[in-house]
Structures are given as structure tokens and as C-alpha cells.
Amino acid sequence: MARKARKDTPKRRRIEFSIEMPEANQVILMGDFNQWEPKTHPMRKDKNGVWRKIVMIFPGRYEYRFWVDGEWYNDPHNLMRCPNCFGSENNVIEVVA
């Protein structure tokens, strides 16, 4: 018998990440929501050179970045950032319930 979700259990939210990199060969979305695992969220490029990925994320605060052809990039559409332990910054997203 399937378990019913409790009404007070937060539901995951559909979040789309995107970055315009028409010359890139590979873009990977990595962050706290996927334990910075490069195999979890590879992105796809559309005909306009915009790489996109839709991710289902539980409410909370997450740090993330884009790995583009072997180099880190921040999300130019998100100015929320925090320092990381490597001397650069990660983007921050807050997913609300």
C-alpha cells in the first residue's frame, strides 16, 4: 500500500536554471541540492545558445554554480552570492514553500 504524503511535508518546487553560453560544449549545474555532483544535472543547449535545466528542489537555501567547459561561472541573472572556501563566490537561491 502506498504511503500518502503528509499535508505538512514541504513539496519540491520546479526551478529552471539557465545561462547563455552559445560557444560552450558542456555546461553542468552543480550545487548543494545535488551534493555538487557533476553527473546529476547536465544542461542542454537550446537553438539560441542558452543552456537550461529544470530541477525539482525542496524549499530551503542552496548554493550553486555552473561548470562550463572545465571552469566555474556564476549565474549572471542572480546577484545573490556568498563567499565559498575557494576564495570565490557561489550563487544563492532560496526556494520558498
Protein backbone atom coordinates (compact mmCIF):
# COMPACT_ATOMS: atom_id res chain seq x y z
CA MET A 1 0.00 0.00 0.00
CA ALA A 2 1.40 3.40 -0.99
CA ARG A 3 2.04 5.92 1.74
CA LYS A 4 0.21 9.21 1.49
CA ALA A 5 2.24 12.39 1.74
CA ARG A 6 1.56 14.29 4.92
CA LYS A 7 -0.01 17.69 4.44
CA ASP A 8 2.77 19.39 6.40
CA THR A 9 5.52 17.84 4.27
CA PRO A 10 7.02 20.53 2.03
CA LYS A 11 6.73 19.83 -1.66
CA ARG A 12 9.55 20.17 -4.11
CA ARG A 13 9.41 23.20 -6.39
CA ARG A 14 10.18 23.30 -10.10
CA ILE A 15 13.15 25.63 -10.64
CA GLU A 16 14.66 26.41 -14.02
CA PHE A 17 18.32 27.39 -14.21
CA SER A 18 19.75 28.93 -17.36
CA ILE A 19 22.92 30.52 -18.65
CA GLU A 20 23.68 31.94 -22.10
CA MET A 21 26.88 30.33 -23.37
CA PRO A 22 26.48 29.72 -27.12
CA GLU A 23 30.11 28.69 -27.64
CA ALA A 24 30.21 26.19 -24.73
CA ASN A 25 30.49 22.47 -25.39
CA GLN A 26 29.29 21.34 -21.96
CA VAL A 27 27.52 23.03 -19.05
CA ILE A 28 26.76 21.31 -15.76
CA LEU A 29 24.64 22.67 -12.92
CA MET A 30 26.10 21.85 -9.52
CA GLY A 31 25.10 22.88 -6.02
CA ASP A 32 24.03 21.90 -2.55
CA PHE A 33 20.82 20.38 -3.95
CA ASN A 34 22.82 17.70 -5.83
CA GLN A 35 25.84 17.45 -3.49
CA TRP A 36 27.96 19.19 -6.18
CA GLU A 37 27.82 16.00 -8.24
CA PRO A 38 28.76 16.66 -11.90
CA LYS A 39 26.80 13.68 -13.26
CA THR A 40 23.45 14.67 -11.75
CA HIS A 41 22.38 17.79 -13.70
CA PRO A 42 23.99 18.20 -17.12
CA MET A 43 22.32 21.03 -19.02
CA ARG A 44 21.01 21.17 -22.59
CA LYS A 45 21.60 23.97 -25.06
CA ASP A 46 18.65 25.40 -26.98
CA LYS A 47 18.80 26.81 -30.52
CA ASN A 48 19.63 30.28 -29.12
CA GLY A 49 22.71 29.13 -27.23
CA VAL A 50 21.03 29.18 -23.82
CA TRP A 51 21.72 26.20 -21.60
CA ARG A 52 18.76 25.15 -19.43
CA LYS A 53 17.95 22.67 -16.70
CA ILE A 54 14.76 22.19 -14.69
CA VAL A 55 15.31 20.79 -11.21
CA MET A 56 12.79 19.79 -8.56
CA ILE A 57 14.04 21.20 -5.24
CA PHE A 58 12.65 21.12 -1.72
CA PRO A 59 12.21 24.51 -0.03
CA GLY A 60 15.40 25.85 1.51
CA ARG A 61 18.56 27.84 0.87
CA TYR A 62 21.05 26.45 -1.64
CA GLU A 63 24.38 27.46 -3.14
CA TYR A 64 25.15 26.65 -6.77
CA ARG A 65 27.36 27.41 -9.78
CA PHE A 66 27.74 26.42 -13.42
CA TRP A 67 30.67 24.28 -14.60
CA VAL A 68 31.31 25.37 -18.19
CA ASP A 69 33.94 23.51 -20.21
CA GLY A 70 36.04 22.97 -17.10
CA GLU A 71 35.64 26.41 -15.49
CA TRP A 72 33.28 27.76 -12.84
CA TYR A 73 30.80 30.51 -13.73
CA ASN A 74 28.27 32.35 -11.63
CA ASP A 75 24.69 32.90 -12.69
CA PRO A 76 24.60 36.38 -14.27
CA HIS A 77 20.83 36.59 -13.59
CA ASN A 78 21.20 36.05 -9.84
CA LEU A 79 23.01 38.68 -7.80
CA MET A 80 22.55 36.76 -4.51
CA ARG A 81 26.01 35.39 -3.72
CA CYS A 82 28.09 34.24 -0.80
CA PRO A 83 31.81 33.55 -0.40
CA ASN A 84 32.99 29.95 -0.76
CA CYS A 85 36.05 28.20 0.68
CA PHE A 86 37.96 28.58 -2.61
CA GLY A 87 38.19 32.37 -2.47
CA SER A 88 35.42 32.99 -4.99
CA GLU A 89 31.63 33.17 -4.68
CA ASN A 90 28.69 30.83 -5.13
CA ASN A 91 25.24 31.90 -6.19
CA VAL A 92 22.48 31.52 -3.60
CA ILE A 93 18.89 30.55 -4.27
CA GLU A 94 16.13 30.45 -1.68
CA VAL A 95 13.27 28.15 -2.60
CA VAL A 96 10.10 29.03 -0.73
CA ALA A 97 7.44 26.58 0.38
